[in-house]
Amino acid sequence: MIITSRTNPKVVSASLLRDKKHRDETGTFLIEGRKLFDEAVKTGIEITDIFCTEENAAYCEKCSGREVTVLSESAFEKISTEKSPQGIICIAKHID
């Protein structure tokens, strides 16, 4: 299933992490792009959610071994902070 709505609760919640205040309140942050995603998986950072575009879904599932939320381009762009997104974003917890 692909989430296409920019108003989907998961999309809206993830997009709020673009704001520092919300990151501080939730103790989570966004990791965006293939390279940073790979590093997060390798180092064992606690990832709570993985979002990707359809063409990146198989890669994300294979690398992380976890369920991935697949988004349409429009929904993905609501979360992304990049001008040219790579199609992979995850939410991770701050390390205390």
Protein backbone atom coordinates (compact mmCIF):
# COMPACT_ATOMS: atom_id res chain seq x y z
CA MET A 1 0.00 0.00 0.00
CA ILE A 2 1.25 3.46 -0.90
CA ILE A 3 0.25 6.49 1.16
CA THR A 4 -0.64 9.30 -1.21
CA SER A 5 -2.25 11.80 1.16
CA ARG A 6 -0.13 14.66 2.46
CA THR A 7 -2.60 14.86 5.38
CA ASN A 8 -2.08 11.25 6.49
CA PRO A 9 -1.33 11.28 10.26
CA LYS A 10 2.05 9.53 9.80
CA VAL A 11 3.09 12.02 7.12
CA VAL A 12 1.97 15.02 9.16
CA SER A 13 3.69 13.73 12.30
CA ALA A 14 6.97 13.11 10.44
CA SER A 15 6.81 16.49 8.72
CA LEU A 16 6.62 18.20 12.13
CA LEU A 17 10.17 16.98 12.78
CA ARG A 18 11.41 19.60 10.36
CA ASP A 19 10.93 22.00 13.30
CA LYS A 20 13.59 21.95 16.06
CA LYS A 21 11.01 22.54 18.78
CA HIS A 22 9.12 19.38 17.79
CA ARG A 23 12.37 17.38 17.55
CA ASP A 24 13.29 18.48 21.07
CA GLU A 25 9.81 17.66 22.40
CA THR A 26 9.72 14.16 20.89
CA GLY A 27 13.38 13.25 21.29
CA THR A 28 13.48 12.17 17.64
CA PHE A 29 14.98 13.50 14.43
CA LEU A 30 14.96 12.91 10.67
CA ILE A 31 17.69 11.05 8.81
CA GLU A 32 17.45 11.68 5.10
CA GLY A 33 19.20 10.08 2.14
CA ARG A 34 20.63 6.68 1.29
CA LYS A 35 24.10 7.23 2.74
CA LEU A 36 22.85 8.46 6.13
CA PHE A 37 20.22 5.70 6.20
CA ASP A 38 22.91 3.06 5.58
CA GLU A 39 25.10 4.52 8.34
CA ALA A 40 22.19 4.60 10.80
CA VAL A 41 21.40 0.94 10.12
CA LYS A 42 25.08 -0.10 10.41
CA THR A 43 25.66 1.74 13.68
CA GLY A 44 22.47 0.48 15.30
CA ILE A 45 20.81 3.84 15.87
CA GLU A 46 17.26 3.26 17.09
CA ILE A 47 15.06 3.86 14.06
CA THR A 48 11.35 4.20 14.80
CA ASP A 49 9.97 4.68 11.27
CA ILE A 50 11.22 4.37 7.70
CA PHE A 51 9.60 6.26 4.83
CA CYS A 52 10.55 5.87 1.20
CA THR A 53 9.33 6.26 -2.33
CA GLU A 54 8.16 3.17 -4.19
CA GLU A 55 11.45 2.67 -6.06
CA ASN A 56 13.39 2.55 -2.76
CA ALA A 57 11.06 0.24 -0.80
CA ALA A 58 12.82 -3.06 -1.55
CA TYR A 59 16.23 -1.55 -0.75
CA CYS A 60 15.08 -0.13 2.59
CA GLU A 61 13.40 -3.37 3.66
CA LYS A 62 16.44 -5.44 2.68
CA CYS A 63 18.92 -3.18 4.48
CA SER A 64 16.92 -2.64 7.64
CA GLY A 65 14.92 -5.86 7.87
CA ARG A 66 11.98 -3.73 8.95
CA GLU A 67 8.61 -2.68 7.59
CA VAL A 68 8.78 0.42 5.44
CA THR A 69 6.06 3.02 4.84
CA VAL A 70 5.88 3.70 1.10
CA LEU A 71 4.85 7.21 0.11
CA SER A 72 3.89 8.92 -3.12
CA GLU A 73 6.29 11.61 -4.34
CA SER A 74 3.93 14.32 -3.08
CA ALA A 75 3.60 12.85 0.42
CA PHE A 76 7.35 12.22 0.59
CA GLU A 77 8.12 15.82 -0.33
CA LYS A 78 5.98 17.03 2.60
CA ILE A 79 8.47 15.35 4.98
CA SER A 80 11.69 15.98 3.09
CA THR A 81 13.95 18.91 3.88
CA GLU A 82 15.98 18.48 0.68
CA LYS A 83 15.53 20.28 -2.65
CA SER A 84 16.36 17.03 -4.49
CA PRO A 85 15.28 14.21 -2.15
CA GLN A 86 16.81 10.75 -2.56
CA GLY A 87 13.61 8.92 -1.61
CA ILE A 88 14.61 7.63 1.85
CA ILE A 89 13.83 9.22 5.22
CA CYS A 90 13.79 7.62 8.64
CA ILE A 91 12.97 8.81 12.12
CA ALA A 92 15.49 8.03 14.83
CA LYS A 93 15.61 8.55 18.58
CA HIS A 94 18.16 10.84 20.19
CA ILE A 95 20.82 9.02 22.14
CA ASP A 96 20.87 10.16 25.76
